[in-house]
PDB file of all heavy atoms in Angstrom:
ATOM      1  N   ARG A   1       0.481  -9.783 -20.045  1.00  0.00           N
ATOM      2  CA  ARG A   1      -0.715  -9.475 -19.159  1.00  0.00           C
ATOM      3  C   ARG A   1      -0.784  -7.950 -18.928  1.00  0.00           C
ATOM      4  O   ARG A   1      -0.434  -7.504 -17.847  1.00  0.00           O
ATOM      5  CB  ARG A   1      -0.609 -10.261 -17.881  1.00  0.00           C
ATOM      6  CG  ARG A   1      -0.550 -11.774 -18.098  1.00  0.00           C
ATOM      7  CD  ARG A   1      -0.380 -12.508 -16.805  1.00  0.00           C
ATOM      8  NE  ARG A   1      -0.137 -13.958 -17.042  1.00  0.00           N
ATOM      9  CZ  ARG A   1      -1.058 -14.838 -17.295  1.00  0.00           C
ATOM     10  NH1 ARG A   1      -2.314 -14.484 -17.316  1.00  0.00           N
ATOM     11  NH2 ARG A   1      -0.688 -16.078 -17.528  1.00  0.00           N
ATOM     12  N   LEU A   2      -1.151  -7.226 -19.952  1.00  0.00           N
ATOM     13  CA  LEU A   2      -1.090  -5.776 -19.948  1.00  0.00           C
ATOM     14  C   LEU A   2      -2.022  -5.162 -19.016  1.00  0.00           C
ATOM     15  O   LEU A   2      -1.731  -4.122 -18.310  1.00  0.00           O
ATOM     16  CB  LEU A   2      -1.281  -5.220 -21.357  1.00  0.00           C
ATOM     17  CG  LEU A   2      -0.227  -5.771 -22.361  1.00  0.00           C
ATOM     18  CD1 LEU A   2      -0.583  -5.249 -23.792  1.00  0.00           C
ATOM     19  CD2 LEU A   2       1.146  -5.350 -22.001  1.00  0.00           C
ATOM     20  N   ARG A   3      -3.233  -5.662 -18.868  1.00  0.00           N
ATOM     21  CA  ARG A   3      -4.211  -5.118 -17.935  1.00  0.00           C
ATOM     22  C   ARG A   3      -3.753  -5.263 -16.501  1.00  0.00           C
ATOM     23  O   ARG A   3      -3.844  -4.343 -15.681  1.00  0.00           O
ATOM     24  CB  ARG A   3      -5.598  -5.767 -18.122  1.00  0.00           C
ATOM     25  CG  ARG A   3      -6.656  -5.227 -17.242  1.00  0.00           C
ATOM     26  CD  ARG A   3      -8.031  -5.860 -17.505  1.00  0.00           C
ATOM     27  NE  ARG A   3      -8.394  -5.675 -18.889  1.00  0.00           N
ATOM     28  CZ  ARG A   3      -9.520  -6.212 -19.393  1.00  0.00           C
ATOM     29  NH1 ARG A   3     -10.304  -6.922 -18.648  1.00  0.00           N
ATOM     30  NH2 ARG A   3      -9.834  -5.980 -20.674  1.00  0.00           N
ATOM     31  N   LEU A   4      -3.173  -6.393 -16.191  1.00  0.00           N
ATOM     32  CA  LEU A   4      -2.657  -6.633 -14.867  1.00  0.00           C
ATOM     33  C   LEU A   4      -1.449  -5.733 -14.571  1.00  0.00           C
ATOM     34  O   LEU A   4      -1.325  -5.184 -13.505  1.00  0.00           O
ATOM     35  CB  LEU A   4      -2.182  -8.097 -14.750  1.00  0.00           C
ATOM     36  CG  LEU A   4      -1.540  -8.534 -13.396  1.00  0.00           C
ATOM     37  CD1 LEU A   4      -2.498  -8.317 -12.234  1.00  0.00           C
ATOM     38  CD2 LEU A   4      -1.087  -9.965 -13.445  1.00  0.00           C
ATOM     39  N   SER A   5      -0.612  -5.532 -15.586  1.00  0.00           N
ATOM     40  CA  SER A   5       0.504  -4.627 -15.407  1.00  0.00           C
ATOM     41  C   SER A   5       0.092  -3.211 -15.122  1.00  0.00           C
ATOM     42  O   SER A   5       0.630  -2.498 -14.260  1.00  0.00           O
ATOM     43  CB  SER A   5       1.395  -4.651 -16.692  1.00  0.00           C
ATOM     44  OG  SER A   5       1.973  -5.940 -16.915  1.00  0.00           O
ATOM     45  N   ARG A   6      -0.964  -2.776 -15.859  1.00  0.00           N
ATOM     46  CA  ARG A   6      -1.458  -1.433 -15.638  1.00  0.00           C
ATOM     47  C   ARG A   6      -2.010  -1.220 -14.256  1.00  0.00           C
ATOM     48  O   ARG A   6      -1.663  -0.235 -13.516  1.00  0.00           O
ATOM     49  CB  ARG A   6      -2.603  -1.114 -16.680  1.00  0.00           C
ATOM     50  CG  ARG A   6      -3.207   0.284 -16.535  1.00  0.00           C
ATOM     51  CD  ARG A   6      -4.458   0.362 -17.417  1.00  0.00           C
ATOM     52  NE  ARG A   6      -5.044   1.660 -17.290  1.00  0.00           N
ATOM     53  CZ  ARG A   6      -6.259   1.916 -17.806  1.00  0.00           C
ATOM     54  NH1 ARG A   6      -6.930   0.989 -18.450  1.00  0.00           N
ATOM     55  NH2 ARG A   6      -6.790   3.154 -17.660  1.00  0.00           N
ATOM     56  N   VAL A   7      -2.799  -2.172 -13.770  1.00  0.00           N
ATOM     57  CA  VAL A   7      -3.347  -2.087 -12.422  1.00  0.00           C
ATOM     58  C   VAL A   7      -2.225  -2.136 -11.377  1.00  0.00           C
ATOM     59  O   VAL A   7      -2.205  -1.371 -10.409  1.00  0.00           O
ATOM     60  CB  VAL A   7      -4.389  -3.228 -12.181  1.00  0.00           C
ATOM     61  CG1 VAL A   7      -4.821  -3.242 -10.683  1.00  0.00           C
ATOM     62  CG2 VAL A   7      -5.591  -3.029 -13.084  1.00  0.00           C
ATOM     63  N   TYR A   8      -1.307  -3.013 -11.561  1.00  0.00           N
ATOM     64  CA  TYR A   8      -0.240  -3.183 -10.623  1.00  0.00           C
ATOM     65  C   TYR A   8       0.577  -1.887 -10.472  1.00  0.00           C
ATOM     66  O   TYR A   8       0.874  -1.473  -9.367  1.00  0.00           O
ATOM     67  CB  TYR A   8       0.718  -4.319 -11.107  1.00  0.00           C
ATOM     68  CG  TYR A   8       1.997  -4.423 -10.264  1.00  0.00           C
ATOM     69  CD1 TYR A   8       2.001  -5.312  -9.134  1.00  0.00           C
ATOM     70  CD2 TYR A   8       3.148  -3.783 -10.606  1.00  0.00           C
ATOM     71  CE1 TYR A   8       3.184  -5.410  -8.399  1.00  0.00           C
ATOM     72  CE2 TYR A   8       4.338  -3.916  -9.844  1.00  0.00           C
ATOM     73  CZ  TYR A   8       4.309  -4.717  -8.736  1.00  0.00           C
ATOM     74  OH  TYR A   8       5.443  -4.831  -7.975  1.00  0.00           O
ATOM     75  N   LEU A   9       0.909  -1.271 -11.607  1.00  0.00           N
ATOM     76  CA  LEU A   9       1.719  -0.070 -11.562  1.00  0.00           C
ATOM     77  C   LEU A   9       1.001   1.084 -10.895  1.00  0.00           C
ATOM     78  O   LEU A   9       1.634   1.839 -10.078  1.00  0.00           O
ATOM     79  CB  LEU A   9       2.132   0.338 -12.950  1.00  0.00           C
ATOM     80  CG  LEU A   9       3.143  -0.608 -13.675  1.00  0.00           C
ATOM     81  CD1 LEU A   9       3.252  -0.270 -15.145  1.00  0.00           C
ATOM     82  CD2 LEU A   9       4.508  -0.566 -13.000  1.00  0.00           C
ATOM     83  N   ILE A  10      -0.260   1.252 -11.167  1.00  0.00           N
ATOM     84  CA  ILE A  10      -1.004   2.383 -10.536  1.00  0.00           C
ATOM     85  C   ILE A  10      -1.174   2.129  -9.025  1.00  0.00           C
ATOM     86  O   ILE A  10      -0.990   3.038  -8.244  1.00  0.00           O
ATOM     87  CB  ILE A  10      -2.393   2.522 -11.258  1.00  0.00           C
ATOM     88  CG1 ILE A  10      -2.232   2.951 -12.690  1.00  0.00           C
ATOM     89  CG2 ILE A  10      -3.277   3.500 -10.459  1.00  0.00           C
ATOM     90  CD1 ILE A  10      -3.530   3.016 -13.486  1.00  0.00           C
ATOM     91  N   VAL A  11      -1.634   0.872  -8.690  1.00  0.00           N
ATOM     92  CA  VAL A  11      -1.822   0.597  -7.279  1.00  0.00           C
ATOM     93  C   VAL A  11      -0.580   0.754  -6.445  1.00  0.00           C
ATOM     94  O   VAL A  11      -0.597   1.326  -5.346  1.00  0.00           O
ATOM     95  CB  VAL A  11      -2.437  -0.815  -7.100  1.00  0.00           C
ATOM     96  CG1 VAL A  11      -2.483  -1.222  -5.646  1.00  0.00           C
ATOM     97  CG2 VAL A  11      -3.833  -0.860  -7.714  1.00  0.00           C
ATOM     98  N   THR A  12       0.536   0.255  -6.954  1.00  0.00           N
ATOM     99  CA  THR A  12       1.774   0.309  -6.158  1.00  0.00           C
ATOM    100  C   THR A  12       2.305   1.754  -6.094  1.00  0.00           C
ATOM    101  O   THR A  12       2.927   2.126  -5.063  1.00  0.00           O
ATOM    102  CB  THR A  12       2.913  -0.571  -6.805  1.00  0.00           C
ATOM    103  OG1 THR A  12       3.072  -0.272  -8.231  1.00  0.00           O
ATOM    104  CG2 THR A  12       2.495  -2.057  -6.662  1.00  0.00           C
ATOM    105  N   MET A  13       2.037   2.592  -7.115  1.00  0.00           N
ATOM    106  CA  MET A  13       2.416   4.016  -7.016  1.00  0.00           C
ATOM    107  C   MET A  13       1.687   4.668  -5.859  1.00  0.00           C
ATOM    108  O   MET A  13       2.256   5.366  -5.018  1.00  0.00           O
ATOM    109  CB  MET A  13       2.144   4.757  -8.308  1.00  0.00           C
ATOM    110  CG  MET A  13       3.138   4.476  -9.416  1.00  0.00           C
ATOM    111  SD  MET A  13       2.780   5.468 -10.849  1.00  0.00           S
ATOM    112  CE  MET A  13       3.357   7.096 -10.336  1.00  0.00           C
ATOM    113  N   VAL A  14       0.372   4.444  -5.821  1.00  0.00           N
ATOM    114  CA  VAL A  14      -0.445   5.092  -4.767  1.00  0.00           C
ATOM    115  C   VAL A  14      -0.069   4.551  -3.412  1.00  0.00           C
ATOM    116  O   VAL A  14       0.062   5.272  -2.422  1.00  0.00           O
ATOM    117  CB  VAL A  14      -1.932   4.877  -5.091  1.00  0.00           C
ATOM    118  CG1 VAL A  14      -2.831   5.367  -3.986  1.00  0.00           C
ATOM    119  CG2 VAL A  14      -2.341   5.496  -6.397  1.00  0.00           C
ATOM    120  N   PHE A  15       0.086   3.205  -3.332  1.00  0.00           N
ATOM    121  CA  PHE A  15       0.408   2.611  -2.056  1.00  0.00           C
ATOM    122  C   PHE A  15       1.723   3.090  -1.501  1.00  0.00           C
ATOM    123  O   PHE A  15       1.848   3.389  -0.255  1.00  0.00           O
ATOM    124  CB  PHE A  15       0.494   1.071  -2.227  1.00  0.00           C
ATOM    125  CG  PHE A  15       0.864   0.303  -0.978  1.00  0.00           C
ATOM    126  CD1 PHE A  15      -0.080   0.013   0.017  1.00  0.00           C
ATOM    127  CD2 PHE A  15       2.173  -0.095  -0.714  1.00  0.00           C
ATOM    128  CE1 PHE A  15       0.291  -0.688   1.139  1.00  0.00           C
ATOM    129  CE2 PHE A  15       2.547  -0.720   0.403  1.00  0.00           C
ATOM    130  CZ  PHE A  15       1.594  -1.030   1.375  1.00  0.00           C
ATOM    131  N   SER A  16       2.736   3.206  -2.316  1.00  0.00           N
ATOM    132  CA  SER A  16       4.059   3.584  -1.923  1.00  0.00           C
ATOM    133  C   SER A  16       4.067   5.009  -1.270  1.00  0.00           C
ATOM    134  O   SER A  16       4.745   5.266  -0.284  1.00  0.00           O
ATOM    135  CB  SER A  16       5.097   3.586  -3.065  1.00  0.00           C
ATOM    136  OG  SER A  16       5.188   2.292  -3.592  1.00  0.00           O
ATOM    137  N   LEU A  17       3.170   5.872  -1.751  1.00  0.00           N
ATOM    138  CA  LEU A  17       3.139   7.219  -1.257  1.00  0.00           C
ATOM    139  C   LEU A  17       2.238   7.366  -0.041  1.00  0.00           C
ATOM    140  O   LEU A  17       2.448   8.367   0.723  1.00  0.00           O
ATOM    141  CB  LEU A  17       2.682   8.178  -2.352  1.00  0.00           C
ATOM    142  CG  LEU A  17       3.646   8.331  -3.562  1.00  0.00           C
ATOM    143  CD1 LEU A  17       3.034   9.260  -4.603  1.00  0.00           C
ATOM    144  CD2 LEU A  17       4.960   8.827  -3.114  1.00  0.00           C
ATOM    145  N   THR A  18       1.296   6.482   0.142  1.00  0.00           N
ATOM    146  CA  THR A  18       0.316   6.693   1.183  1.00  0.00           C
ATOM    147  C   THR A  18       0.561   5.813   2.446  1.00  0.00           C
ATOM    148  O   THR A  18       0.222   6.254   3.562  1.00  0.00           O
ATOM    149  CB  THR A  18      -1.089   6.401   0.691  1.00  0.00           C
ATOM    150  OG1 THR A  18      -1.183   5.109   0.145  1.00  0.00           O
ATOM    151  CG2 THR A  18      -1.476   7.459  -0.417  1.00  0.00           C
ATOM    152  N   TYR A  19       1.155   4.636   2.270  1.00  0.00           N
ATOM    153  CA  TYR A  19       1.214   3.732   3.401  1.00  0.00           C
ATOM    154  C   TYR A  19       2.043   4.255   4.576  1.00  0.00           C
ATOM    155  O   TYR A  19       1.707   4.004   5.744  1.00  0.00           O
ATOM    156  CB  TYR A  19       1.729   2.342   3.003  1.00  0.00           C
ATOM    157  CG  TYR A  19       3.187   2.161   3.092  1.00  0.00           C
ATOM    158  CD1 TYR A  19       3.770   1.637   4.247  1.00  0.00           C
ATOM    159  CD2 TYR A  19       4.038   2.560   2.044  1.00  0.00           C
ATOM    160  CE1 TYR A  19       5.138   1.442   4.351  1.00  0.00           C
ATOM    161  CE2 TYR A  19       5.409   2.372   2.138  1.00  0.00           C
ATOM    162  CZ  TYR A  19       5.932   1.817   3.289  1.00  0.00           C
ATOM    163  OH  TYR A  19       7.285   1.657   3.405  1.00  0.00           O
ATOM    164  N   PRO A  20       3.168   5.035   4.297  1.00  0.00           N
ATOM    165  CA  PRO A  20       3.890   5.565   5.475  1.00  0.00           C
ATOM    166  C   PRO A  20       3.117   6.539   6.346  1.00  0.00           C
ATOM    167  O   PRO A  20       3.474   6.800   7.452  1.00  0.00           O
ATOM    168  CB  PRO A  20       5.118   6.251   4.851  1.00  0.00           C
ATOM    169  CG  PRO A  20       5.239   5.686   3.494  1.00  0.00           C
ATOM    170  CD  PRO A  20       3.777   5.438   3.082  1.00  0.00           C
ATOM    171  N   LEU A  21       2.000   7.009   5.823  1.00  0.00           N
ATOM    172  CA  LEU A  21       1.186   7.977   6.543  1.00  0.00           C
ATOM    173  C   LEU A  21       0.092   7.349   7.359  1.00  0.00           C
ATOM    174  O   LEU A  21      -0.648   7.997   8.126  1.00  0.00           O
ATOM    175  CB  LEU A  21       0.512   9.046   5.589  1.00  0.00           C
ATOM    176  CG  LEU A  21       1.520   9.792   4.716  1.00  0.00           C
ATOM    177  CD1 LEU A  21       0.771  10.689   3.744  1.00  0.00           C
ATOM    178  CD2 LEU A  21       2.491  10.592   5.543  1.00  0.00           C
ATOM    179  N   VAL A  22      -0.095   6.027   7.171  1.00  0.00           N
ATOM    180  CA  VAL A  22      -1.194   5.313   7.837  1.00  0.00           C
ATOM    181  C   VAL A  22      -0.775   5.138   9.301  1.00  0.00           C
ATOM    182  O   VAL A  22       0.322   4.795   9.625  1.00  0.00           O
ATOM    183  CB  VAL A  22      -1.409   3.899   7.205  1.00  0.00           C
ATOM    184  CG1 VAL A  22      -2.387   3.064   8.034  1.00  0.00           C
ATOM    185  CG2 VAL A  22      -1.851   4.072   5.796  1.00  0.00           C
ATOM    186  N   ARG A  23      -1.736   5.329  10.181  1.00  0.00           N
ATOM    187  CA  ARG A  23      -1.509   5.190  11.603  1.00  0.00           C
ATOM    188  C   ARG A  23      -1.978   3.779  12.008  1.00  0.00           C
ATOM    189  O   ARG A  23      -3.150   3.506  11.900  1.00  0.00           O
ATOM    190  CB  ARG A  23      -2.238   6.253  12.432  1.00  0.00           C
ATOM    191  CG  ARG A  23      -1.579   7.616  12.284  1.00  0.00           C
ATOM    192  CD  ARG A  23      -2.183   8.639  13.254  1.00  0.00           C
ATOM    193  NE  ARG A  23      -1.471   9.850  13.221  1.00  0.00           N
ATOM    194  CZ  ARG A  23      -0.427  10.154  13.982  1.00  0.00           C
ATOM    195  NH1 ARG A  23       0.048   9.277  14.839  1.00  0.00           N
ATOM    196  NH2 ARG A  23       0.166  11.337  13.876  1.00  0.00           N
ATOM    197  N   MET A  24      -1.080   2.936  12.477  1.00  0.00           N
ATOM    198  CA  MET A  24      -1.408   1.565  12.813  1.00  0.00           C
ATOM    199  C   MET A  24      -1.413   1.432  14.343  1.00  0.00           C
ATOM    200  O   MET A  24      -0.468   1.783  15.000  1.00  0.00           O
ATOM    201  CB  MET A  24      -0.362   0.621  12.221  1.00  0.00           C
ATOM    202  CG  MET A  24      -0.651  -0.855  12.574  1.00  0.00           C
ATOM    203  SD  MET A  24       0.596  -1.948  11.832  1.00  0.00           S
ATOM    204  CE  MET A  24       0.206  -1.772  10.099  1.00  0.00           C
ATOM    205  N   PRO A  25      -2.542   0.986  14.901  1.00  0.00           N
ATOM    206  CA  PRO A  25      -2.615   0.770  16.354  1.00  0.00           C
ATOM    207  C   PRO A  25      -1.490  -0.172  16.834  1.00  0.00           C
ATOM    208  O   PRO A  25      -1.242  -1.173  16.142  1.00  0.00           O
ATOM    209  CB  PRO A  25      -3.967   0.193  16.612  1.00  0.00           C
ATOM    210  CG  PRO A  25      -4.781   0.572  15.408  1.00  0.00           C
ATOM    211  CD  PRO A  25      -3.820   0.582  14.271  1.00  0.00           C
ATOM    212  N   GLU A  26      -0.885   0.173  17.905  1.00  0.00           N
ATOM    213  CA  GLU A  26       0.158  -0.635  18.456  1.00  0.00           C
ATOM    214  C   GLU A  26      -0.392  -1.680  19.387  1.00  0.00           C
ATOM    215  O   GLU A  26      -1.184  -1.328  20.308  1.00  0.00           O
ATOM    216  CB  GLU A  26       1.184   0.203  19.192  1.00  0.00           C
ATOM    217  CG  GLU A  26       2.414  -0.531  19.727  1.00  0.00           C
ATOM    218  CD  GLU A  26       3.644   0.189  19.296  1.00  0.00           C
ATOM    219  OE1 GLU A  26       3.595   1.180  18.552  1.00  0.00           O
ATOM    220  OE2 GLU A  26       4.696  -0.251  19.801  1.00  0.00           O
ATOM    221  N   THR A  27      -0.041  -2.963  19.131  1.00  0.00           N
ATOM    222  CA  THR A  27      -0.600  -4.000  20.000  1.00  0.00           C
ATOM    223  C   THR A  27      -0.015  -3.909  21.352  1.00  0.00           C
ATOM    224  O   THR A  27       1.174  -3.725  21.551  1.00  0.00           O
ATOM    225  CB  THR A  27      -0.250  -5.379  19.372  1.00  0.00           C
ATOM    226  OG1 THR A  27      -0.743  -5.367  18.006  1.00  0.00           O
ATOM    227  CG2 THR A  27      -0.881  -6.508  20.150  1.00  0.00           C
ATOM    228  N   LEU A  28      -0.894  -4.093  22.320  1.00  0.00           N
ATOM    229  CA  LEU A  28      -0.409  -4.093  23.727  1.00  0.00           C
ATOM    230  C   LEU A  28       0.566  -5.267  23.956  1.00  0.00           C
ATOM    231  O   LEU A  28       0.297  -6.344  23.489  1.00  0.00           O
ATOM    232  CB  LEU A  28      -1.545  -4.158  24.682  1.00  0.00           C
ATOM    233  CG  LEU A  28      -2.501  -2.914  24.744  1.00  0.00           C
ATOM    234  CD1 LEU A  28      -3.599  -3.152  25.742  1.00  0.00           C
ATOM    235  CD2 LEU A  28      -1.679  -1.686  25.065  1.00  0.00           C
ATOM    236  N   VAL A  29       1.586  -5.003  24.726  1.00  0.00           N
ATOM    237  CA  VAL A  29       2.555  -6.056  24.946  1.00  0.00           C
ATOM    238  C   VAL A  29       1.936  -7.090  25.849  1.00  0.00           C
ATOM    239  O   VAL A  29       1.370  -6.779  26.875  1.00  0.00           O
ATOM    240  CB  VAL A  29       3.823  -5.485  25.624  1.00  0.00           C
ATOM    241  CG1 VAL A  29       4.840  -6.516  25.886  1.00  0.00           C
ATOM    242  CG2 VAL A  29       4.396  -4.337  24.765  1.00  0.00           C
ATOM    243  N   SER A  30       1.959  -8.326  25.404  1.00  0.00           N
ATOM    244  CA  SER A  30       1.386  -9.429  26.213  1.00  0.00           C
ATOM    245  C   SER A  30       2.278  -9.751  27.319  1.00  0.00           C
ATOM    246  O   SER A  30       3.516  -9.645  27.280  1.00  0.00           O
ATOM    247  CB  SER A  30       1.150 -10.625  25.326  1.00  0.00           C
ATOM    248  OG  SER A  30       2.381 -11.074  24.780  1.00  0.00           O
TER     249      SER A  30
END
């Protein structure tokens, strides 16, 4: 499944480098 492999490799490369920079709202403690 070469097309899937290509998409997977590109997406995970980008995700790995960008997700630690995402600011996620902290849920208020219930």
